[in-house]
């Protein structure tokens, strides 16, 4: 595992699927003891404790799974849901006929100075003393400066409304929330590789600011 992957944490995977031609939601709610309040939300909420997931089932037979930390979590949760539905006598498609598609991955990442960076801290801070080598340490960012450095039509920064800078990439098509602490939240990806690619693009953009 490289440094980028070590510093990356996938916090949520959202996936969609379809498990039947139609689902009888009131029956499912009773049989599986699920949350179902149709006047507030049109789906049944099926919860998995390990891995911790919520799967929303709809009358159309579609289901949306959220809360996964990776694709395997999603597959495990949907397999368990189908098994429970069938055990309760509710008709579903065979597992082999169920296609699962990741719709969104959300990840956090902490930007660091490059390992070969020869700069040092210019003043004492809560985190470090003046003169401390910065190589490999978490990187603080001046978001005002960053807005002038990144493509202006891809950036939004209104600190009085939201403390982070919003950077929209065209490829991979993701949205990055960048904070002054060097922390980032990346959303909109469908594969982990897209997140790592976005991280590399941002690191390349920031290299000129060192």
Protein backbone atom coordinates (compact mmCIF):
# COMPACT_ATOMS: atom_id res chain seq x y z
CA UNK A 1 0.00 0.00 0.00
CA UNK A 2 1.45 3.39 -1.00
CA UNK A 3 1.34 6.58 1.08
CA UNK A 4 -1.74 7.90 -0.74
CA UNK A 5 -3.73 4.78 0.09
CA UNK A 6 -2.54 4.85 3.72
CA UNK A 7 -3.80 8.41 4.11
CA UNK A 8 -7.11 7.70 2.38
CA UNK A 9 -10.19 6.56 4.29
CA UNK A 10 -13.37 5.55 2.48
CA UNK A 11 -16.19 6.63 4.80
CA UNK A 12 -19.25 5.75 2.73
CA UNK A 13 -20.11 3.71 -0.34
CA UNK A 14 -23.59 4.08 -1.85
CA UNK A 15 -24.79 1.45 -4.31
CA UNK A 16 -28.03 0.64 -6.07
CA UNK A 17 -29.51 -2.63 -7.24
CA UNK A 18 -32.77 -4.34 -8.10
CA UNK A 19 -33.73 -7.60 -6.41
CA UNK A 20 -37.29 -8.31 -7.65
CA UNK A 21 -39.98 -7.26 -10.11
CA UNK A 22 -41.94 -5.81 -7.21
CA UNK A 23 -41.75 -5.82 -3.42
CA UNK A 24 -44.64 -5.86 -0.94
CA UNK A 25 -43.28 -3.29 1.51
CA UNK A 26 -45.91 -3.61 4.27
CA UNK A 27 -45.36 -7.39 4.30
CA UNK A 28 -41.57 -6.97 4.41
CA UNK A 29 -41.85 -4.46 7.26
CA UNK A 30 -43.85 -6.96 9.31
CA UNK A 31 -41.88 -10.09 8.39
CA UNK A 32 -38.42 -8.57 8.89
CA UNK A 33 -39.37 -6.03 11.58
CA UNK A 34 -38.11 -3.12 9.46
CA UNK A 35 -38.77 0.61 9.69
CA UNK A 36 -41.59 1.64 7.35
CA UNK A 37 -43.38 4.97 7.54
CA UNK A 38 -44.80 5.54 4.04
CA UNK A 39 -46.23 8.95 4.93
CA UNK A 40 -42.65 10.15 5.56
CA UNK A 41 -40.56 8.00 3.20
CA UNK A 42 -41.66 5.61 0.42
CA UNK A 43 -39.23 2.81 1.28
CA UNK A 44 -38.55 0.16 3.90
CA UNK A 45 -35.32 0.60 5.87
CA UNK A 46 -33.49 -2.71 6.37
CA UNK A 47 -30.48 -2.45 8.70
CA UNK A 48 -27.39 -4.66 8.87
CA UNK A 49 -25.26 -4.51 12.02
CA UNK A 50 -22.06 -6.16 10.75
CA UNK A 51 -21.02 -4.51 8.48
CA UNK A 52 -23.07 -1.50 9.58
CA UNK A 53 -25.33 -0.67 6.62
CA UNK A 54 -28.76 0.65 5.81
CA UNK A 55 -30.57 -0.72 2.76
CA UNK A 56 -33.62 1.11 1.45
CA UNK A 57 -36.08 -1.14 -0.38
CA UNK A 58 -38.75 0.26 -2.72
CA UNK A 59 -41.95 -1.16 -4.20
CA UNK A 60 -40.34 -1.24 -7.66
CA UNK A 61 -37.91 -3.93 -6.44
CA UNK A 62 -35.03 -1.45 -6.36
CA UNK A 63 -32.79 -1.08 -3.33
CA UNK A 64 -30.17 1.46 -2.30
CA UNK A 65 -27.43 0.45 0.11
CA UNK A 66 -25.52 3.07 2.07
CA UNK A 67 -22.93 3.10 4.83
CA UNK A 68 -20.45 0.63 3.34
CA UNK A 69 -16.72 1.15 3.69
CA UNK A 70 -15.95 -0.86 0.54
CA UNK A 71 -17.73 -2.78 -2.20
CA UNK A 72 -17.45 -6.05 -0.30
CA UNK A 73 -19.52 -4.55 2.54
CA UNK A 74 -22.24 -3.70 0.03
CA UNK A 75 -22.29 -7.19 -1.49
CA UNK A 76 -22.37 -8.80 1.97
CA UNK A 77 -25.31 -6.61 3.05
CA UNK A 78 -27.38 -7.22 -0.08
CA UNK A 79 -26.73 -10.97 0.05
CA UNK A 80 -27.93 -11.01 3.66
CA UNK A 81 -31.03 -8.99 2.77
CA UNK A 82 -31.96 -11.36 -0.05
CA UNK A 83 -31.43 -14.37 2.24
CA UNK A 84 -33.70 -12.84 4.90
CA UNK A 85 -36.38 -11.96 2.33
CA UNK A 86 -36.41 -15.48 0.97
CA UNK A 87 -36.46 -17.00 4.46
CA UNK A 88 -39.60 -14.93 5.10
CA UNK A 89 -41.22 -16.35 1.95
CA UNK A 90 -40.78 -13.18 -0.11
CA UNK A 91 -39.89 -13.76 -3.76
CA UNK A 92 -36.65 -12.22 -5.09
CA UNK A 93 -34.42 -12.79 -8.07
CA UNK A 94 -31.54 -15.24 -7.75
CA UNK A 95 -28.42 -13.62 -6.36
CA UNK A 96 -26.52 -14.36 -9.59
CA UNK A 97 -29.07 -12.21 -11.49
CA UNK A 98 -28.76 -9.23 -9.15
CA UNK A 99 -26.49 -6.47 -10.46
CA UNK A 100 -25.00 -4.04 -7.96
CA UNK A 101 -23.76 -0.65 -9.15
CA UNK A 102 -21.75 1.77 -7.00
CA UNK A 103 -23.27 5.26 -7.32
CA UNK A 104 -21.01 7.24 -5.03
CA UNK A 105 -17.95 6.85 -2.83
CA UNK A 106 -17.01 9.39 -0.17
CA UNK A 107 -13.47 9.44 1.19
CA UNK A 108 -11.29 11.60 3.40
CA UNK A 109 -7.62 12.30 2.75
CA UNK A 110 -4.95 14.24 4.63
CA UNK A 111 -2.50 16.22 2.50
CA UNK A 112 1.16 16.05 3.61
CA UNK A 113 4.33 17.78 2.52
CA UNK A 114 6.39 15.62 0.11
CA UNK A 115 8.91 13.31 1.80
CA UNK A 116 11.76 15.10 0.01
CA UNK A 117 10.59 18.63 0.90
CA UNK A 118 13.44 20.66 2.41
CA UNK A 119 11.35 23.47 3.93
CA UNK A 120 11.03 24.12 7.68
CA UNK A 121 8.36 25.69 9.88
CA UNK A 122 8.78 29.46 9.74
CA UNK A 123 7.22 30.17 13.14
CA UNK A 124 6.11 28.41 16.30
CA UNK A 125 2.62 26.92 16.14
CA UNK A 126 0.57 24.64 18.35
CA UNK A 127 1.67 21.73 16.17
CA UNK A 128 5.40 22.36 15.82
CA UNK A 129 8.36 24.55 16.70
CA UNK A 130 10.02 27.03 14.38
CA UNK A 131 12.69 25.28 12.29
CA UNK A 132 10.99 21.86 12.38
CA UNK A 133 11.52 20.00 9.06
CA UNK A 134 8.16 19.81 7.27
CA UNK A 135 8.90 16.78 5.08
CA UNK A 136 6.18 14.17 5.55
CA UNK A 137 4.13 16.30 7.99
CA UNK A 138 0.47 17.35 7.55
CA UNK A 139 0.26 20.33 5.25
CA UNK A 140 -1.55 23.55 6.17
CA UNK A 141 -3.11 25.46 3.25
CA UNK A 142 -3.92 29.08 2.57
CA UNK A 143 -7.26 28.65 0.82
CA UNK A 144 -7.35 32.25 -0.41
CA UNK A 145 -4.07 31.68 -2.28
CA UNK A 146 -5.34 28.35 -3.55
CA UNK A 147 -8.38 29.96 -5.18
CA UNK A 148 -6.04 31.98 -7.43
CA UNK A 149 -3.91 28.95 -8.26
CA UNK A 150 -6.65 26.49 -9.28
CA UNK A 151 -8.80 26.87 -12.43
CA UNK A 152 -11.18 29.71 -11.48
CA UNK A 153 -14.21 28.15 -13.18
CA UNK A 154 -13.83 24.94 -11.14
CA UNK A 155 -13.51 26.54 -7.70
CA UNK A 156 -15.94 27.93 -5.14
CA UNK A 157 -14.72 29.49 -1.91
CA UNK A 158 -17.05 31.51 0.31
CA UNK A 159 -15.64 31.15 3.84
CA UNK A 160 -18.53 33.07 5.43
CA UNK A 161 -20.86 30.31 4.23
CA UNK A 162 -18.64 27.19 4.29
CA UNK A 163 -15.09 26.82 5.67
CA UNK A 164 -13.81 24.66 2.81
CA UNK A 165 -12.84 25.29 -0.78
CA UNK A 166 -14.96 23.37 -3.31
CA UNK A 167 -13.00 22.11 -6.31
CA UNK A 168 -14.87 20.30 -9.09
CA UNK A 169 -12.78 18.07 -11.33
CA UNK A 170 -13.93 17.11 -14.82
CA UNK A 171 -11.97 13.87 -14.94
CA UNK A 172 -12.33 11.97 -12.79
CA UNK A 173 -15.71 13.62 -12.24
CA UNK A 174 -15.51 14.19 -8.50
CA UNK A 175 -15.93 17.06 -6.06
CA UNK A 176 -13.16 17.80 -3.57
CA UNK A 177 -13.74 19.80 -0.39
CA UNK A 178 -10.36 21.17 0.69
CA UNK A 179 -9.82 22.63 4.16
CA UNK A 180 -7.08 24.83 5.58
CA UNK A 181 -5.92 21.96 7.82
CA UNK A 182 -4.92 20.00 4.70
CA UNK A 183 -7.84 17.62 5.13
CA UNK A 184 -9.93 16.82 2.06
CA UNK A 185 -13.28 15.15 1.48
CA UNK A 186 -13.72 13.63 -1.97
CA UNK A 187 -17.16 12.67 -3.21
CA UNK A 188 -18.79 11.57 -6.47
CA UNK A 189 -16.37 8.78 -7.37
CA UNK A 190 -17.56 5.32 -8.36
CA UNK A 191 -14.25 3.55 -7.85
CA UNK A 192 -11.38 3.95 -5.40
CA UNK A 193 -8.98 4.43 -8.31
CA UNK A 194 -10.86 7.62 -9.24
CA UNK A 195 -10.32 8.98 -5.73
CA UNK A 196 -6.59 8.21 -5.84
CA UNK A 197 -6.38 9.87 -9.26
CA UNK A 198 -8.09 13.00 -7.90
CA UNK A 199 -5.64 13.07 -4.98
CA UNK A 200 -2.70 12.92 -7.38
CA UNK A 201 -4.13 15.74 -9.53
CA UNK A 202 -4.52 17.98 -6.47
CA UNK A 203 -1.05 17.15 -5.22
CA UNK A 204 0.35 18.09 -8.64
CA UNK A 205 -1.61 21.37 -8.54
CA UNK A 206 -0.22 22.14 -5.08
CA UNK A 207 3.39 21.29 -5.96
CA UNK A 208 3.93 24.78 -7.43
CA UNK A 209 2.79 26.35 -4.14
CA UNK A 210 5.61 24.83 -2.07
